[in-house]
Amino acid sequence: MLLAARAKYDELTAEPADDIMYGDVDANGTVEATDALWALQAYVGSRQLDDKAFKAADVNLDKEVNTSDALAILQYAVKLRDKLPIA
């Protein structure tokens, strides 16, 4: 029961326990257009993401990486969005 509660808490908080920086798909410490590119590449199958990168790319928290995530990451990178995740 406690583990399930912790999992739900981590899912709902902006900074999960495993220290994911949402949007920072390449894990270089900043969210940039390159991160949006990596998310798009993962979506079309030309890039494989490890678990941490996948979690960083899934900024709408729907357990998928798709064009919506890439767009939100790009918007954040160019200051059109002020926070990630967007769920």
PDB file of N, CA and C in Angstrom:
ATOM      1  N   MET A   1       0.819  -1.194   0.000  1.00  0.00           N
ATOM      2  CA  MET A   1       0.000   0.000   0.000  1.00  0.00           C
ATOM      3  C   MET A   1       0.860   1.253   0.000  1.00  0.00           C
ATOM      4  N   LEU A   2       1.897   1.276   0.823  1.00  0.00           N
ATOM      5  CA  LEU A   2       2.781   2.430   0.895  1.00  0.00           C
ATOM      6  C   LEU A   2       3.516   2.632  -0.429  1.00  0.00           C
ATOM      7  N   LEU A   3       3.948   1.549  -1.056  1.00  0.00           N
ATOM      8  CA  LEU A   3       4.638   1.664  -2.343  1.00  0.00           C
ATOM      9  C   LEU A   3       3.721   2.229  -3.416  1.00  0.00           C
ATOM     10  N   ALA A   4       2.477   1.832  -3.433  1.00  0.00           N
ATOM     11  CA  ALA A   4       1.520   2.351  -4.403  1.00  0.00           C
ATOM     12  C   ALA A   4       1.286   3.843  -4.181  1.00  0.00           C
ATOM     13  N   ALA A   5       1.197   4.260  -2.933  1.00  0.00           N
ATOM     14  CA  ALA A   5       1.012   5.670  -2.620  1.00  0.00           C
ATOM     15  C   ALA A   5       2.229   6.479  -3.055  1.00  0.00           C
ATOM     16  N   ARG A   6       3.431   5.936  -2.821  1.00  0.00           N
ATOM     17  CA  ARG A   6       4.651   6.632  -3.235  1.00  0.00           C
ATOM     18  C   ARG A   6       4.715   6.747  -4.760  1.00  0.00           C
ATOM     19  N   ALA A   7       4.335   5.702  -5.468  1.00  0.00           N
ATOM     20  CA  ALA A   7       4.344   5.726  -6.936  1.00  0.00           C
ATOM     21  C   ALA A   7       3.385   6.791  -7.452  1.00  0.00           C
ATOM     22  N   LYS A   8       2.222   6.887  -6.859  1.00  0.00           N
ATOM     23  CA  LYS A   8       1.249   7.901  -7.269  1.00  0.00           C
ATOM     24  C   LYS A   8       1.770   9.298  -6.957  1.00  0.00           C
ATOM     25  N   TYR A   9       2.382   9.474  -5.810  1.00  0.00           N
ATOM     26  CA  TYR A   9       2.970  10.765  -5.444  1.00  0.00           C
ATOM     27  C   TYR A   9       4.031  11.177  -6.461  1.00  0.00           C
ATOM     28  N   ASP A  10       4.931  10.263  -6.800  1.00  0.00           N
ATOM     29  CA  ASP A  10       5.981  10.562  -7.765  1.00  0.00           C
ATOM     30  C   ASP A  10       5.405  10.933  -9.121  1.00  0.00           C
ATOM     31  N   GLU A  11       4.350  10.262  -9.509  1.00  0.00           N
ATOM     32  CA  GLU A  11       3.703  10.533 -10.794  1.00  0.00           C
ATOM     33  C   GLU A  11       3.101  11.931 -10.827  1.00  0.00           C
ATOM     34  N   LEU A  12       2.592  12.399  -9.708  1.00  0.00           N
ATOM     35  CA  LEU A  12       1.897  13.681  -9.666  1.00  0.00           C
ATOM     36  C   LEU A  12       2.795  14.874  -9.373  1.00  0.00           C
ATOM     37  N   THR A  13       4.022  14.651  -8.955  1.00  0.00           N
ATOM     38  CA  THR A  13       4.905  15.763  -8.620  1.00  0.00           C
ATOM     39  C   THR A  13       5.793  16.128  -9.791  1.00  0.00           C
ATOM     40  N   ALA A  14       6.220  17.366  -9.835  1.00  0.00           N
ATOM     41  CA  ALA A  14       7.036  17.866 -10.949  1.00  0.00           C
ATOM     42  C   ALA A  14       8.435  17.270 -10.939  1.00  0.00           C
ATOM     43  N   GLU A  15       8.981  16.982  -9.782  1.00  0.00           N
ATOM     44  CA  GLU A  15      10.315  16.420  -9.678  1.00  0.00           C
ATOM     45  C   GLU A  15      10.229  15.054  -9.004  1.00  0.00           C
ATOM     46  N   PRO A  16      10.125  13.985  -9.786  1.00  0.00           N
ATOM     47  CA  PRO A  16      10.018  12.664  -9.185  1.00  0.00           C
ATOM     48  C   PRO A  16      11.267  12.264  -8.407  1.00  0.00           C
ATOM     49  N   ALA A  17      11.133  11.213  -7.623  1.00  0.00           N
ATOM     50  CA  ALA A  17      12.217  10.774  -6.750  1.00  0.00           C
ATOM     51  C   ALA A  17      13.477  10.396  -7.515  1.00  0.00           C
ATOM     52  N   ASP A  18      13.370   9.976  -8.784  1.00  0.00           N
ATOM     53  CA  ASP A  18      14.563   9.577  -9.523  1.00  0.00           C
ATOM     54  C   ASP A  18      15.212  10.753 -10.248  1.00  0.00           C
ATOM     55  N   ASP A  19      14.885  11.988  -9.842  1.00  0.00           N
ATOM     56  CA  ASP A  19      15.581  13.191 -10.274  1.00  0.00           C
ATOM     57  C   ASP A  19      15.533  13.422 -11.784  1.00  0.00           C
ATOM     58  N   ILE A  20      14.358  13.335 -12.363  1.00  0.00           N
ATOM     59  CA  ILE A  20      14.170  13.612 -13.784  1.00  0.00           C
ATOM     60  C   ILE A  20      13.977  15.103 -13.973  1.00  0.00           C
ATOM     61  N   MET A  21      14.698  15.687 -14.917  1.00  0.00           N
ATOM     62  CA  MET A  21      14.457  17.068 -15.318  1.00  0.00           C
ATOM     63  C   MET A  21      13.624  17.010 -16.588  1.00  0.00           C
ATOM     64  N   TYR A  22      12.332  17.299 -16.452  1.00  0.00           N
ATOM     65  CA  TYR A  22      11.436  17.199 -17.590  1.00  0.00           C
ATOM     66  C   TYR A  22      11.900  18.103 -18.728  1.00  0.00           C
ATOM     67  N   GLY A  23      11.889  17.533 -19.943  1.00  0.00           N
ATOM     68  CA  GLY A  23      12.304  18.259 -21.130  1.00  0.00           C
ATOM     69  C   GLY A  23      13.765  18.094 -21.476  1.00  0.00           C
ATOM     70  N   ASP A  24      14.594  17.750 -20.504  1.00  0.00           N
ATOM     71  CA  ASP A  24      16.032  17.582 -20.741  1.00  0.00           C
ATOM     72  C   ASP A  24      16.315  16.152 -21.203  1.00  0.00           C
ATOM     73  N   VAL A  25      15.940  15.862 -22.424  1.00  0.00           N
ATOM     74  CA  VAL A  25      15.997  14.500 -22.952  1.00  0.00           C
ATOM     75  C   VAL A  25      17.442  14.018 -23.089  1.00  0.00           C
ATOM     76  N   ASP A  26      18.352  14.906 -23.467  1.00  0.00           N
ATOM     77  CA  ASP A  26      19.755  14.509 -23.638  1.00  0.00           C
ATOM     78  C   ASP A  26      20.565  14.613 -22.348  1.00  0.00           C
ATOM     79  N   ALA A  27      19.913  14.987 -21.246  1.00  0.00           N
ATOM     80  CA  ALA A  27      20.520  15.015 -19.907  1.00  0.00           C
ATOM     81  C   ALA A  27      21.783  15.873 -19.821  1.00  0.00           C
ATOM     82  N   ASN A  28      21.766  17.028 -20.495  1.00  0.00           N
ATOM     83  CA  ASN A  28      22.922  17.914 -20.398  1.00  0.00           C
ATOM     84  C   ASN A  28      22.711  19.044 -19.400  1.00  0.00           C
ATOM     85  N   GLY A  29      21.571  19.035 -18.714  1.00  0.00           N
ATOM     86  CA  GLY A  29      21.314  20.013 -17.672  1.00  0.00           C
ATOM     87  C   GLY A  29      20.473  21.203 -18.102  1.00  0.00           C
ATOM     88  N   THR A  30      20.145  21.300 -19.384  1.00  0.00           N
ATOM     89  CA  THR A  30      19.301  22.382 -19.872  1.00  0.00           C
ATOM     90  C   THR A  30      18.283  21.834 -20.869  1.00  0.00           C
ATOM     91  N   VAL A  31      17.180  22.545 -21.016  1.00  0.00           N
ATOM     92  CA  VAL A  31      16.164  22.169 -21.999  1.00  0.00           C
ATOM     93  C   VAL A  31      16.368  23.055 -23.226  1.00  0.00           C
ATOM     94  N   GLU A  32      16.666  22.415 -24.343  1.00  0.00           N
ATOM     95  CA  GLU A  32      16.988  23.124 -25.581  1.00  0.00           C
ATOM     96  C   GLU A  32      16.215  22.507 -26.734  1.00  0.00           C
ATOM     97  N   ALA A  33      16.319  23.137 -27.901  1.00  0.00           N
ATOM     98  CA  ALA A  33      15.659  22.616 -29.097  1.00  0.00           C
ATOM     99  C   ALA A  33      16.126  21.202 -29.420  1.00  0.00           C
ATOM    100  N   THR A  34      17.347  20.884 -29.101  1.00  0.00           N
ATOM    101  CA  THR A  34      17.867  19.535 -29.335  1.00  0.00           C
ATOM    102  C   THR A  34      17.040  18.494 -28.599  1.00  0.00           C
ATOM    103  N   ASP A  35      16.565  18.832 -27.424  1.00  0.00           N
ATOM    104  CA  ASP A  35      15.736  17.898 -26.659  1.00  0.00           C
ATOM    105  C   ASP A  35      14.423  17.618 -27.378  1.00  0.00           C
ATOM    106  N   ALA A  36      13.835  18.642 -27.972  1.00  0.00           N
ATOM    107  CA  ALA A  36      12.611  18.453 -28.757  1.00  0.00           C
ATOM    108  C   ALA A  36      12.901  17.563 -29.968  1.00  0.00           C
ATOM    109  N   LEU A  37      14.047  17.786 -30.606  1.00  0.00           N
ATOM    110  CA  LEU A  37      14.448  16.957 -31.740  1.00  0.00           C
ATOM    111  C   LEU A  37      14.581  15.498 -31.322  1.00  0.00           C
ATOM    112  N   TRP A  38      15.224  15.254 -30.208  1.00  0.00           N
ATOM    113  CA  TRP A  38      15.380  13.874 -29.720  1.00  0.00           C
ATOM    114  C   TRP A  38      14.022  13.233 -29.461  1.00  0.00           C
ATOM    115  N   ALA A  39      13.079  13.992 -28.905  1.00  0.00           N
ATOM    116  CA  ALA A  39      11.734  13.461 -28.655  1.00  0.00           C
ATOM    117  C   ALA A  39      11.056  13.104 -29.980  1.00  0.00           C
ATOM    118  N   LEU A  40      11.184  13.972 -30.976  1.00  0.00           N
ATOM    119  CA  LEU A  40      10.612  13.670 -32.295  1.00  0.00           C
ATOM    120  C   LEU A  40      11.268  12.446 -32.920  1.00  0.00           C
ATOM    121  N   GLN A  41      12.572  12.365 -32.814  1.00  0.00           N
ATOM    122  CA  GLN A  41      13.280  11.203 -33.356  1.00  0.00           C
ATOM    123  C   GLN A  41      12.831   9.921 -32.671  1.00  0.00           C
ATOM    124  N   ALA A  42      12.612   9.978 -31.383  1.00  0.00           N
ATOM    125  CA  ALA A  42      12.118   8.795 -30.669  1.00  0.00           C
ATOM    126  C   ALA A  42      10.723   8.428 -31.159  1.00  0.00           C
ATOM    127  N   TYR A  43       9.906   9.428 -31.399  1.00  0.00           N
ATOM    128  CA  TYR A  43       8.540   9.186 -31.870  1.00  0.00           C
ATOM    129  C   TYR A  43       8.524   8.472 -33.225  1.00  0.00           C
ATOM    130  N   VAL A  44       9.395   8.884 -34.138  1.00  0.00           N
ATOM    131  CA  VAL A  44       9.408   8.271 -35.471  1.00  0.00           C
ATOM    132  C   VAL A  44      10.274   7.014 -35.530  1.00  0.00           C
ATOM    133  N   GLY A  45      10.952   6.698 -34.440  1.00  0.00           N
ATOM    134  CA  GLY A  45      11.713   5.458 -34.364  1.00  0.00           C
ATOM    135  C   GLY A  45      13.157   5.547 -34.799  1.00  0.00           C
ATOM    136  N   SER A  46      13.669   6.744 -35.006  1.00  0.00           N
ATOM    137  CA  SER A  46      15.066   6.862 -35.413  1.00  0.00           C
ATOM    138  C   SER A  46      16.023   7.065 -34.240  1.00  0.00           C
ATOM    139  N   ARG A  47      15.491   7.134 -33.035  1.00  0.00           N
ATOM    140  CA  ARG A  47      16.332   7.246 -31.833  1.00  0.00           C
ATOM    141  C   ARG A  47      15.702   6.425 -30.717  1.00  0.00           C
ATOM    142  N   GLN A  48      16.530   5.658 -30.031  1.00  0.00           N
ATOM    143  CA  GLN A  48      16.089   4.902 -28.864  1.00  0.00           C
ATOM    144  C   GLN A  48      16.417   5.709 -27.612  1.00  0.00           C
ATOM    145  N   LEU A  49      15.463   5.834 -26.721  1.00  0.00           N
ATOM    146  CA  LEU A  49      15.681   6.540 -25.458  1.00  0.00           C
ATOM    147  C   LEU A  49      15.781   5.537 -24.326  1.00  0.00           C
ATOM    148  N   ASP A  50      16.740   5.761 -23.410  1.00  0.00           N
ATOM    149  CA  ASP A  50      16.777   4.925 -22.213  1.00  0.00           C
ATOM    150  C   ASP A  50      15.636   5.376 -21.292  1.00  0.00           C
ATOM    151  N   ASP A  51      15.458   4.686 -20.190  1.00  0.00           N
ATOM    152  CA  ASP A  51      14.318   4.964 -19.301  1.00  0.00           C
ATOM    153  C   ASP A  51      14.303   6.404 -18.799  1.00  0.00           C
ATOM    154  N   LYS A  52      15.457   6.913 -18.395  1.00  0.00           N
ATOM    155  CA  LYS A  52      15.516   8.276 -17.860  1.00  0.00           C
ATOM    156  C   LYS A  52      15.187   9.299 -18.954  1.00  0.00           C
ATOM    157  N   ALA A  53      15.727   9.108 -20.148  1.00  0.00           N
ATOM    158  CA  ALA A  53      15.447  10.027 -21.261  1.00  0.00           C
ATOM    159  C   ALA A  53      13.973   9.961 -21.651  1.00  0.00           C
ATOM    160  N   PHE A  54      13.408   8.752 -21.635  1.00  0.00           N
ATOM    161  CA  PHE A  54      11.989   8.604 -21.962  1.00  0.00           C
ATOM    162  C   PHE A  54      11.131   9.373 -20.969  1.00  0.00           C
ATOM    163  N   LYS A  55      11.440   9.247 -19.689  1.00  0.00           N
ATOM    164  CA  LYS A  55      10.676   9.968 -18.664  1.00  0.00           C
ATOM    165  C   LYS A  55      10.842  11.479 -18.824  1.00  0.00           C
ATOM    166  N   ALA A  56      12.039  11.923 -19.163  1.00  0.00           N
ATOM    167  CA  ALA A  56      12.279  13.353 -19.368  1.00  0.00           C
ATOM    168  C   ALA A  56      11.516  13.872 -20.582  1.00  0.00           C
ATOM    169  N   ALA A  57      11.369  13.035 -21.603  1.00  0.00           N
ATOM    170  CA  ALA A  57      10.680  13.437 -22.834  1.00  0.00           C
ATOM    171  C   ALA A  57       9.166  13.410 -22.680  1.00  0.00           C
ATOM    172  N   ASP A  58       8.649  12.593 -21.787  1.00  0.00           N
ATOM    173  CA  ASP A  58       7.198  12.460 -21.619  1.00  0.00           C
ATOM    174  C   ASP A  58       6.666  13.584 -20.739  1.00  0.00           C
ATOM    175  N   VAL A  59       6.672  14.804 -21.273  1.00  0.00           N
ATOM    176  CA  VAL A  59       6.333  15.970 -20.464  1.00  0.00           C
ATOM    177  C   VAL A  59       4.831  16.148 -20.237  1.00  0.00           C
ATOM    178  N   ASN A  60       3.993  15.417 -20.953  1.00  0.00           N
ATOM    179  CA  ASN A  60       2.557  15.476 -20.657  1.00  0.00           C
ATOM    180  C   ASN A  60       2.105  14.283 -19.818  1.00  0.00           C
ATOM    181  N   LEU A  61       3.042  13.471 -19.397  1.00  0.00           N
ATOM    182  CA  LEU A  61       2.835  12.374 -18.436  1.00  0.00           C
ATOM    183  C   LEU A  61       1.785  11.359 -18.879  1.00  0.00           C
ATOM    184  N   ASP A  62       1.743  11.096 -20.181  1.00  0.00           N
ATOM    185  CA  ASP A  62       0.779  10.109 -20.679  1.00  0.00           C
ATOM    186  C   ASP A  62       1.418   8.758 -20.986  1.00  0.00           C
ATOM    187  N   LYS A  63       2.656   8.580 -20.552  1.00  0.00           N
ATOM    188  CA  LYS A  63       3.405   7.321 -20.718  1.00  0.00           C
ATOM    189  C   LYS A  63       3.766   7.045 -22.186  1.00  0.00           C
ATOM    190  N   GLU A  64       3.756   8.096 -23.023  1.00  0.00           N
ATOM    191  CA  GLU A  64       4.160   8.009 -24.427  1.00  0.00           C
ATOM    192  C   GLU A  64       5.041   9.212 -24.742  1.00  0.00           C
ATOM    193  N   VAL A  65       5.895   9.070 -25.748  1.00  0.00           N
ATOM    194  CA  VAL A  65       6.631  10.217 -26.272  1.00  0.00           C
ATOM    195  C   VAL A  65       6.131  10.426 -27.690  1.00  0.00           C
ATOM    196  N   ASN A  66       5.554  11.606 -27.921  1.00  0.00           N
ATOM    197  CA  ASN A  66       4.971  11.881 -29.230  1.00  0.00           C
ATOM    198  C   ASN A  66       5.151  13.352 -29.579  1.00  0.00           C
ATOM    199  N   THR A  67       4.479  13.788 -30.635  1.00  0.00           N
ATOM    200  CA  THR A  67       4.647  15.158 -31.113  1.00  0.00           C
ATOM    201  C   THR A  67       4.188  16.197 -30.096  1.00  0.00           C
ATOM    202  N   SER A  68       3.227  15.858 -29.271  1.00  0.00           N
ATOM    203  CA  SER A  68       2.773  16.793 -28.233  1.00  0.00           C
ATOM    204  C   SER A  68       3.892  17.085 -27.248  1.00  0.00           C
ATOM    205  N   ASP A  69       4.630  16.058 -26.883  1.00  0.00           N
ATOM    206  CA  ASP A  69       5.765  16.245 -25.972  1.00  0.00           C
ATOM    207  C   ASP A  69       6.846  17.096 -26.634  1.00  0.00           C
ATOM    208  N   ALA A  70       7.170  16.775 -27.887  1.00  0.00           N
ATOM    209  CA  ALA A  70       8.208  17.522 -28.597  1.00  0.00           C
ATOM    210  C   ALA A  70       7.842  18.999 -28.713  1.00  0.00           C
ATOM    211  N   LEU A  71       6.583  19.278 -29.034  1.00  0.00           N
ATOM    212  CA  LEU A  71       6.135  20.666 -29.153  1.00  0.00           C
ATOM    213  C   LEU A  71       6.256  21.392 -27.810  1.00  0.00           C
ATOM    214  N   ALA A  72       5.828  20.764 -26.738  1.00  0.00           N
ATOM    215  CA  ALA A  72       5.909  21.397 -25.415  1.00  0.00           C
ATOM    216  C   ALA A  72       7.362  21.651 -25.016  1.00  0.00           C
ATOM    217  N   ILE A  73       8.238  20.709 -25.314  1.00  0.00           N
ATOM    218  CA  ILE A  73       9.659  20.890 -25.000  1.00  0.00           C
ATOM    219  C   ILE A  73      10.222  22.064 -25.787  1.00  0.00           C
ATOM    220  N   LEU A  74       9.902  22.143 -27.069  1.00  0.00           N
ATOM    221  CA  LEU A  74      10.386  23.256 -27.887  1.00  0.00           C
ATOM    222  C   LEU A  74       9.834  24.583 -27.384  1.00  0.00           C
ATOM    223  N   GLN A  75       8.558  24.614 -27.050  1.00  0.00           N
ATOM    224  CA  GLN A  75       7.957  25.843 -26.524  1.00  0.00           C
ATOM    225  C   GLN A  75       8.656  26.280 -25.236  1.00  0.00           C
ATOM    226  N   TYR A  76       8.974  25.326 -24.383  1.00  0.00           N
ATOM    227  CA  TYR A  76       9.677  25.645 -23.146  1.00  0.00           C
ATOM    228  C   TYR A  76      11.080  26.168 -23.451  1.00  0.00           C
ATOM    229  N   ALA A  77      11.753  25.547 -24.403  1.00  0.00           N
ATOM    230  CA  ALA A  77      13.122  25.941 -24.756  1.00  0.00           C
ATOM    231  C   ALA A  77      13.185  27.381 -25.267  1.00  0.00           C
ATOM    232  N   VAL A  78      12.142  27.825 -25.974  1.00  0.00           N
ATOM    233  CA  VAL A  78      12.138  29.183 -26.524  1.00  0.00           C
ATOM    234  C   VAL A  78      11.297  30.151 -25.682  1.00  0.00           C
ATOM    235  N   LYS A  79      10.980  29.742 -24.470  1.00  0.00           N
ATOM    236  CA  LYS A  79      10.304  30.585 -23.476  1.00  0.00           C
ATOM    237  C   LYS A  79       8.851  30.910 -23.813  1.00  0.00           C
ATOM    238  N   LEU A  80       8.188  30.046 -24.585  1.00  0.00           N
ATOM    239  CA  LEU A  80       6.759  30.214 -24.824  1.00  0.00           C
ATOM    240  C   LEU A  80       5.928  29.446 -23.800  1.00  0.00           C
ATOM    241  N   ARG A  81       6.584  28.659 -23.007  1.00  0.00           N
ATOM    242  CA  ARG A  81       5.953  27.878 -21.949  1.00  0.00           C
ATOM    243  C   ARG A  81       6.839  28.049 -20.727  1.00  0.00           C
ATOM    244  N   ASP A  82       6.232  28.172 -19.545  1.00  0.00           N
ATOM    245  CA  ASP A  82       7.047  28.466 -18.361  1.00  0.00           C
ATOM    246  C   ASP A  82       7.249  27.304 -17.401  1.00  0.00           C
ATOM    247  N   LYS A  83       6.654  26.134 -17.680  1.00  0.00           N
ATOM    248  CA  LYS A  83       6.894  25.000 -16.790  1.00  0.00           C
ATOM    249  C   LYS A  83       6.700  23.685 -17.513  1.00  0.00           C
ATOM    250  N   LEU A  84       7.382  22.715 -17.042  1.00  0.00           N
ATOM    251  CA  LEU A  84       7.242  21.311 -17.448  1.00  0.00           C
ATOM    252  C   LEU A  84       7.248  20.491 -16.176  1.00  0.00           C
ATOM    253  N   PRO A  85       6.499  19.422 -16.083  1.00  0.00           N
ATOM    254  CA  PRO A  85       5.609  18.841 -17.070  1.00  0.00           C
ATOM    255  C   PRO A  85       4.338  19.666 -17.240  1.00  0.00           C
ATOM    256  N   ILE A  86       3.560  19.304 -18.262  1.00  0.00           N
ATOM    257  CA  ILE A  86       2.377  20.099 -18.600  1.00  0.00           C
ATOM    258  C   ILE A  86       1.071  19.427 -18.195  1.00  0.00           C
ATOM    259  N   ALA A  87       1.138  18.279 -17.572  1.00  0.00           N
ATOM    260  CA  ALA A  87      -0.087  17.543 -17.206  1.00  0.00           C
ATOM    261  C   ALA A  87      -0.878  18.261 -16.146  1.00  0.00           C
TER     262      ALA A  87
END
